Amino acid sequence: HVHVMHRKGKEGLGAAYLAGFHWGLDHGYDALVEMDADGSHQPEQLPLLLKALKQADMVKGSRYVKGGSVVNWPKYRELISRGGGLWTRMCLGIGVKDPTGGFNAFRANTLRAIGLDDVASAGYCFQL
């Protein structure tokens, strides 16, 4: 089931994610997926994310792994994305290939455990 939430105005990326997560949890979904709507992720990959979620609490789709791609992006945007990912990996000491990517699947219990009401981020740092 896909639900598109329309909001009155721009309130920030983090606020959009939180609103969607709360909606899904309030409606009893076991898994919730967030996906950027900028064409940087392929919706055809959703079944693979959901399959992987059976063995994980959270699954991150990546544009920068074998088989991944970025379509219709100017080169500067890909460089900013890759540079931001490298900086994030270095600062946090993580091996995730696409830490700022916006194609993620979560188990509902994982989101509940995070304590969404205590999340203060409203911008892109929410994706980390």
N, C-alpha and C. Protein backbone atom coordinates (compact mmCIF):
# COMPACT_ATOMS: atom_id res chain seq x y z
N HIS A 1 0.84 -1.18 0.00
CA HIS A 1 0.00 0.00 0.00
C HIS A 1 0.88 1.24 0.00
N VAL A 2 0.61 2.18 -0.87
CA VAL A 2 1.34 3.44 -0.94
C VAL A 2 0.41 4.57 -0.54
N HIS A 3 0.89 5.43 0.33
CA HIS A 3 0.12 6.60 0.75
C HIS A 3 0.97 7.84 0.49
N VAL A 4 0.41 8.82 -0.19
CA VAL A 4 1.10 10.08 -0.42
C VAL A 4 0.49 11.11 0.51
N MET A 5 1.34 11.70 1.33
CA MET A 5 0.89 12.71 2.27
C MET A 5 1.14 14.10 1.68
N HIS A 6 0.11 14.89 1.59
CA HIS A 6 0.24 16.26 1.10
C HIS A 6 0.19 17.19 2.30
N ARG A 7 1.19 18.05 2.39
CA ARG A 7 1.23 18.98 3.51
C ARG A 7 1.03 20.41 3.01
N LYS A 8 0.69 21.31 3.90
CA LYS A 8 0.33 22.68 3.50
C LYS A 8 1.50 23.48 2.96
N GLY A 9 2.70 23.20 3.42
CA GLY A 9 3.85 23.95 2.96
C GLY A 9 5.13 23.26 3.34
N LYS A 10 6.25 23.85 2.95
CA LYS A 10 7.55 23.28 3.29
C LYS A 10 7.85 23.53 4.76
N GLU A 11 8.12 22.46 5.46
CA GLU A 11 8.46 22.55 6.88
C GLU A 11 9.80 21.89 7.17
N GLY A 12 10.49 21.47 6.12
CA GLY A 12 11.77 20.82 6.30
C GLY A 12 11.69 19.33 6.04
N LEU A 13 12.80 18.77 5.61
CA LEU A 13 12.85 17.36 5.28
C LEU A 13 12.60 16.47 6.49
N GLY A 14 13.23 16.80 7.61
CA GLY A 14 13.04 16.00 8.82
C GLY A 14 11.59 15.99 9.27
N ALA A 15 10.95 17.14 9.22
CA ALA A 15 9.54 17.23 9.61
C ALA A 15 8.66 16.39 8.69
N ALA A 16 9.02 16.34 7.40
CA ALA A 16 8.25 15.52 6.45
C ALA A 16 8.40 14.04 6.79
N TYR A 17 9.64 13.60 7.06
CA TYR A 17 9.85 12.20 7.43
C TYR A 17 9.09 11.86 8.70
N LEU A 18 9.20 12.72 9.70
CA LEU A 18 8.52 12.44 10.98
C LEU A 18 7.01 12.35 10.80
N ALA A 19 6.45 13.26 10.00
CA ALA A 19 5.00 13.23 9.76
C ALA A 19 4.60 11.91 9.10
N GLY A 20 5.38 11.48 8.12
CA GLY A 20 5.08 10.22 7.44
C GLY A 20 5.24 9.01 8.36
N PHE A 21 6.30 8.99 9.14
CA PHE A 21 6.50 7.88 10.08
C PHE A 21 5.37 7.82 11.10
N HIS A 22 4.99 8.97 11.64
CA HIS A 22 3.88 8.98 12.61
C HIS A 22 2.60 8.47 11.96
N TRP A 23 2.33 8.90 10.72
CA TRP A 23 1.13 8.45 10.03
C TRP A 23 1.15 6.93 9.89
N GLY A 24 2.24 6.38 9.43
CA GLY A 24 2.35 4.93 9.24
C GLY A 24 2.21 4.16 10.54
N LEU A 25 2.86 4.65 11.59
CA LEU A 25 2.75 3.97 12.89
C LEU A 25 1.32 4.05 13.42
N ASP A 26 0.69 5.22 13.27
CA ASP A 26 -0.69 5.40 13.74
C ASP A 26 -1.66 4.51 12.98
N HIS A 27 -1.31 4.12 11.75
CA HIS A 27 -2.18 3.28 10.94
C HIS A 27 -1.79 1.80 10.97
N GLY A 28 -0.88 1.45 11.87
CA GLY A 28 -0.60 0.05 12.14
C GLY A 28 0.31 -0.68 11.16
N TYR A 29 1.10 0.04 10.37
CA TYR A 29 2.00 -0.62 9.43
C TYR A 29 3.19 -1.24 10.17
N ASP A 30 3.65 -2.39 9.71
CA ASP A 30 4.80 -3.07 10.30
C ASP A 30 6.11 -2.57 9.73
N ALA A 31 6.08 -2.03 8.52
CA ALA A 31 7.27 -1.52 7.86
C ALA A 31 6.94 -0.18 7.21
N LEU A 32 7.89 0.73 7.28
CA LEU A 32 7.71 2.04 6.65
C LEU A 32 8.92 2.33 5.79
N VAL A 33 8.66 2.92 4.63
CA VAL A 33 9.73 3.23 3.68
C VAL A 33 9.68 4.71 3.36
N GLU A 34 10.85 5.33 3.35
CA GLU A 34 10.94 6.71 2.89
C GLU A 34 11.81 6.72 1.65
N MET A 35 11.38 7.51 0.66
CA MET A 35 12.12 7.59 -0.59
C MET A 35 12.07 9.02 -1.11
N ASP A 36 13.25 9.58 -1.36
CA ASP A 36 13.31 10.91 -1.97
C ASP A 36 12.53 10.90 -3.27
N ALA A 37 11.89 12.00 -3.57
CA ALA A 37 11.08 12.10 -4.79
C ALA A 37 11.81 12.87 -5.87
N ASP A 38 13.15 12.84 -5.84
CA ASP A 38 13.92 13.59 -6.82
C ASP A 38 14.44 12.73 -7.96
N GLY A 39 14.01 11.48 -8.02
CA GLY A 39 14.43 10.60 -9.09
C GLY A 39 15.80 9.96 -8.87
N SER A 40 16.37 10.14 -7.68
CA SER A 40 17.70 9.59 -7.43
C SER A 40 17.66 8.13 -6.97
N HIS A 41 16.49 7.61 -6.73
CA HIS A 41 16.34 6.21 -6.33
C HIS A 41 15.29 5.55 -7.22
N GLN A 42 15.45 4.27 -7.40
CA GLN A 42 14.58 3.54 -8.32
C GLN A 42 13.50 2.78 -7.53
N PRO A 43 12.24 3.12 -7.70
CA PRO A 43 11.17 2.45 -6.97
C PRO A 43 11.10 0.95 -7.25
N GLU A 44 11.64 0.52 -8.38
CA GLU A 44 11.64 -0.91 -8.71
C GLU A 44 12.48 -1.72 -7.71
N GLN A 45 13.32 -1.03 -6.95
CA GLN A 45 14.16 -1.70 -5.96
C GLN A 45 13.45 -1.93 -4.63
N LEU A 46 12.24 -1.40 -4.48
CA LEU A 46 11.51 -1.53 -3.21
C LEU A 46 11.35 -2.98 -2.75
N PRO A 47 10.99 -3.92 -3.62
CA PRO A 47 10.88 -5.30 -3.13
C PRO A 47 12.18 -5.84 -2.53
N LEU A 48 13.32 -5.42 -3.05
CA LEU A 48 14.60 -5.86 -2.48
C LEU A 48 14.81 -5.28 -1.09
N LEU A 49 14.44 -4.03 -0.89
CA LEU A 49 14.57 -3.42 0.44
C LEU A 49 13.67 -4.15 1.44
N LEU A 50 12.43 -4.41 1.04
CA LEU A 50 11.50 -5.08 1.96
C LEU A 50 11.94 -6.51 2.26
N LYS A 51 12.52 -7.19 1.28
CA LYS A 51 13.03 -8.53 1.52
C LYS A 51 14.18 -8.49 2.52
N ALA A 52 15.09 -7.55 2.35
CA ALA A 52 16.22 -7.42 3.27
C ALA A 52 15.76 -7.01 4.67
N LEU A 53 14.66 -6.29 4.76
CA LEU A 53 14.15 -5.84 6.05
C LEU A 53 13.69 -7.01 6.93
N LYS A 54 13.43 -8.15 6.34
CA LYS A 54 13.06 -9.32 7.12
C LYS A 54 14.20 -9.78 8.02
N GLN A 55 15.43 -9.39 7.67
CA GLN A 55 16.61 -9.79 8.43
C GLN A 55 17.29 -8.62 9.13
N ALA A 56 16.66 -7.45 9.13
CA ALA A 56 17.30 -6.26 9.70
C ALA A 56 16.25 -5.35 10.31
N ASP A 57 16.70 -4.40 11.10
CA ASP A 57 15.80 -3.40 11.68
C ASP A 57 15.59 -2.22 10.75
N MET A 58 16.60 -1.98 9.90
CA MET A 58 16.58 -0.86 8.95
C MET A 58 17.42 -1.26 7.74
N VAL A 59 16.97 -0.88 6.55
CA VAL A 59 17.70 -1.17 5.33
C VAL A 59 17.86 0.14 4.56
N LYS A 60 19.06 0.39 4.08
CA LYS A 60 19.36 1.62 3.36
C LYS A 60 19.65 1.29 1.90
N GLY A 61 18.87 1.84 1.01
CA GLY A 61 19.14 1.70 -0.41
C GLY A 61 20.30 2.61 -0.78
N SER A 62 21.13 2.21 -1.71
CA SER A 62 22.30 3.00 -2.07
C SER A 62 22.39 3.20 -3.57
N ARG A 63 22.75 4.41 -3.93
CA ARG A 63 23.01 4.73 -5.32
C ARG A 63 24.43 4.35 -5.71
N TYR A 64 25.29 4.10 -4.72
CA TYR A 64 26.73 3.98 -4.96
C TYR A 64 27.29 2.60 -4.68
N VAL A 65 26.52 1.58 -4.95
CA VAL A 65 27.00 0.20 -4.86
C VAL A 65 26.85 -0.43 -6.24
N LYS A 66 27.44 -1.61 -6.41
CA LYS A 66 27.32 -2.31 -7.68
C LYS A 66 25.84 -2.46 -8.03
N GLY A 67 25.47 -2.04 -9.21
CA GLY A 67 24.09 -2.10 -9.66
C GLY A 67 23.31 -0.82 -9.36
N GLY A 68 23.84 0.04 -8.51
CA GLY A 68 23.19 1.30 -8.19
C GLY A 68 23.53 2.35 -9.25
N SER A 69 22.75 3.41 -9.28
CA SER A 69 23.03 4.46 -10.25
C SER A 69 22.33 5.75 -9.85
N VAL A 70 22.76 6.81 -10.47
CA VAL A 70 22.11 8.11 -10.36
C VAL A 70 21.70 8.49 -11.77
N VAL A 71 20.43 8.84 -11.94
CA VAL A 71 19.91 9.15 -13.27
C VAL A 71 19.51 10.62 -13.33
N ASN A 72 19.89 11.28 -14.41
CA ASN A 72 19.48 12.66 -14.69
C ASN A 72 19.94 13.67 -13.65
N TRP A 73 21.10 13.44 -13.06
CA TRP A 73 21.69 14.42 -12.14
C TRP A 73 22.81 15.14 -12.86
N PRO A 74 22.93 16.45 -12.67
CA PRO A 74 24.13 17.11 -13.17
C PRO A 74 25.35 16.63 -12.37
N LYS A 75 26.50 16.67 -12.99
CA LYS A 75 27.72 16.14 -12.36
C LYS A 75 27.98 16.80 -11.01
N TYR A 76 27.74 18.13 -10.89
CA TYR A 76 28.01 18.81 -9.63
C TYR A 76 27.16 18.25 -8.48
N ARG A 77 25.93 17.85 -8.79
CA ARG A 77 25.07 17.31 -7.73
C ARG A 77 25.58 15.96 -7.24
N GLU A 78 26.04 15.13 -8.17
CA GLU A 78 26.60 13.85 -7.76
C GLU A 78 27.88 14.06 -6.95
N LEU A 79 28.71 15.04 -7.33
CA LEU A 79 29.93 15.32 -6.58
C LEU A 79 29.60 15.81 -5.17
N ILE A 80 28.59 16.65 -5.04
CA ILE A 80 28.18 17.12 -3.71
C ILE A 80 27.69 15.93 -2.88
N SER A 81 26.89 15.06 -3.49
CA SER A 81 26.36 13.90 -2.79
C SER A 81 27.48 12.95 -2.35
N ARG A 82 28.38 12.65 -3.26
CA ARG A 82 29.49 11.74 -2.93
C ARG A 82 30.42 12.38 -1.89
N GLY A 83 30.67 13.67 -2.03
CA GLY A 83 31.51 14.38 -1.06
C GLY A 83 30.89 14.41 0.32
N GLY A 84 29.59 14.66 0.37
CA GLY A 84 28.88 14.65 1.66
C GLY A 84 28.89 13.28 2.29
N GLY A 85 28.77 12.25 1.45
CA GLY A 85 28.82 10.88 1.96
C GLY A 85 30.19 10.54 2.51
N LEU A 86 31.23 10.96 1.81
CA LEU A 86 32.59 10.70 2.28
C LEU A 86 32.85 11.42 3.60
N TRP A 87 32.47 12.67 3.69
CA TRP A 87 32.64 13.44 4.92
C TRP A 87 31.89 12.78 6.08
N THR A 88 30.66 12.34 5.83
CA THR A 88 29.86 11.69 6.87
C THR A 88 30.52 10.39 7.32
N ARG A 89 30.97 9.57 6.37
CA ARG A 89 31.63 8.31 6.73
C ARG A 89 32.88 8.55 7.57
N MET A 90 33.64 9.57 7.20
CA MET A 90 34.86 9.87 7.94
C MET A 90 34.55 10.38 9.35
N CYS A 91 33.59 11.27 9.47
CA CYS A 91 33.24 11.85 10.78
C CYS A 91 32.63 10.81 11.71
N LEU A 92 31.78 9.94 11.17
CA LEU A 92 31.08 8.97 12.00
C LEU A 92 31.78 7.62 12.08
N GLY A 93 32.77 7.41 11.24
CA GLY A 93 33.49 6.14 11.25
C GLY A 93 32.62 4.97 10.83
N ILE A 94 31.79 5.19 9.83
CA ILE A 94 30.89 4.13 9.36
C ILE A 94 31.27 3.72 7.94
N GLY A 95 30.89 2.52 7.54
CA GLY A 95 31.21 2.02 6.22
C GLY A 95 30.07 2.08 5.24
N VAL A 96 28.99 2.73 5.59
CA VAL A 96 27.82 2.82 4.72
C VAL A 96 28.19 3.61 3.47
N LYS A 97 27.91 3.05 2.29
CA LYS A 97 28.30 3.68 1.03
C LYS A 97 27.53 4.95 0.69
N ASP A 98 26.31 5.07 1.15
CA ASP A 98 25.46 6.20 0.76
C ASP A 98 24.71 6.69 2.00
N PRO A 99 25.45 7.23 2.99
CA PRO A 99 24.80 7.57 4.27
C PRO A 99 23.74 8.66 4.15
N THR A 100 23.81 9.49 3.13
CA THR A 100 22.82 10.56 3.00
C THR A 100 21.68 10.20 2.05
N GLY A 101 21.69 8.96 1.55
CA GLY A 101 20.65 8.53 0.62
C GLY A 101 19.28 8.49 1.28
N GLY A 102 18.27 8.85 0.54
CA GLY A 102 16.91 8.92 1.07
C GLY A 102 16.02 7.80 0.57
N PHE A 103 16.50 6.56 0.62
CA PHE A 103 15.67 5.41 0.25
C PHE A 103 15.92 4.35 1.32
N ASN A 104 15.08 4.38 2.33
CA ASN A 104 15.30 3.57 3.53
C ASN A 104 14.02 2.89 3.97
N ALA A 105 14.19 1.68 4.47
CA ALA A 105 13.05 0.92 5.00
C ALA A 105 13.31 0.65 6.49
N PHE A 106 12.28 0.82 7.28
CA PHE A 106 12.38 0.64 8.73
C PHE A 106 11.31 -0.32 9.22
N ARG A 107 11.64 -1.14 10.18
CA ARG A 107 10.61 -1.86 10.91
C ARG A 107 9.93 -0.85 11.83
N ALA A 108 8.64 -1.00 12.01
CA ALA A 108 7.90 -0.08 12.87
C ALA A 108 8.46 -0.07 14.28
N ASN A 109 8.82 -1.23 14.80
CA ASN A 109 9.37 -1.29 16.16
C ASN A 109 10.68 -0.53 16.28
N THR A 110 11.45 -0.48 15.22
CA THR A 110 12.69 0.29 15.23
C THR A 110 12.39 1.78 15.37
N LEU A 111 11.42 2.25 14.62
CA LEU A 111 11.05 3.66 14.71
C LEU A 111 10.49 3.99 16.08
N ARG A 112 9.70 3.08 16.64
CA ARG A 112 9.17 3.31 17.99
C ARG A 112 10.32 3.39 19.01
N ALA A 113 11.32 2.54 18.86
CA ALA A 113 12.44 2.51 19.80
C ALA A 113 13.29 3.78 19.71
N ILE A 114 13.33 4.40 18.54
CA ILE A 114 14.10 5.63 18.37
C ILE A 114 13.50 6.75 19.21
N GLY A 115 12.19 6.74 19.38
CA GLY A 115 11.52 7.82 20.10
C GLY A 115 11.35 9.03 19.19
N LEU A 116 10.53 8.91 18.18
CA LEU A 116 10.38 9.97 17.18
C LEU A 116 9.97 11.31 17.77
N ASP A 117 9.25 11.29 18.87
CA ASP A 117 8.82 12.56 19.47
C ASP A 117 10.00 13.37 20.01
N ASP A 118 11.15 12.71 20.22
CA ASP A 118 12.32 13.39 20.75
C ASP A 118 13.30 13.84 19.66
N VAL A 119 12.99 13.56 18.40
CA VAL A 119 13.87 13.95 17.30
C VAL A 119 13.70 15.44 17.04
N ALA A 120 14.82 16.18 17.05
CA ALA A 120 14.76 17.63 16.89
C ALA A 120 15.16 18.08 15.49
N SER A 121 15.72 17.22 14.66
CA SER A 121 16.21 17.61 13.34
C SER A 121 15.06 17.95 12.42
N ALA A 122 15.27 19.00 11.63
CA ALA A 122 14.27 19.37 10.64
C ALA A 122 14.87 19.41 9.24
N GLY A 123 16.16 19.19 9.12
CA GLY A 123 16.83 19.32 7.83
C GLY A 123 17.43 18.02 7.36
N TYR A 124 18.43 18.15 6.51
CA TYR A 124 19.04 16.98 5.88
C TYR A 124 19.79 16.09 6.85
N CYS A 125 20.21 16.61 7.99
CA CYS A 125 20.92 15.76 8.95
C CYS A 125 20.01 14.66 9.46
N PHE A 126 18.73 14.81 9.28
CA PHE A 126 17.78 13.75 9.67
C PHE A 126 18.08 12.44 8.98
N GLN A 127 18.62 12.51 7.76
CA GLN A 127 18.88 11.30 6.99
C GLN A 127 20.02 10.48 7.56
N LEU A 128 20.83 11.05 8.38
CA LEU A 128 21.94 10.32 8.95
C LEU A 128 21.47 9.54 10.14
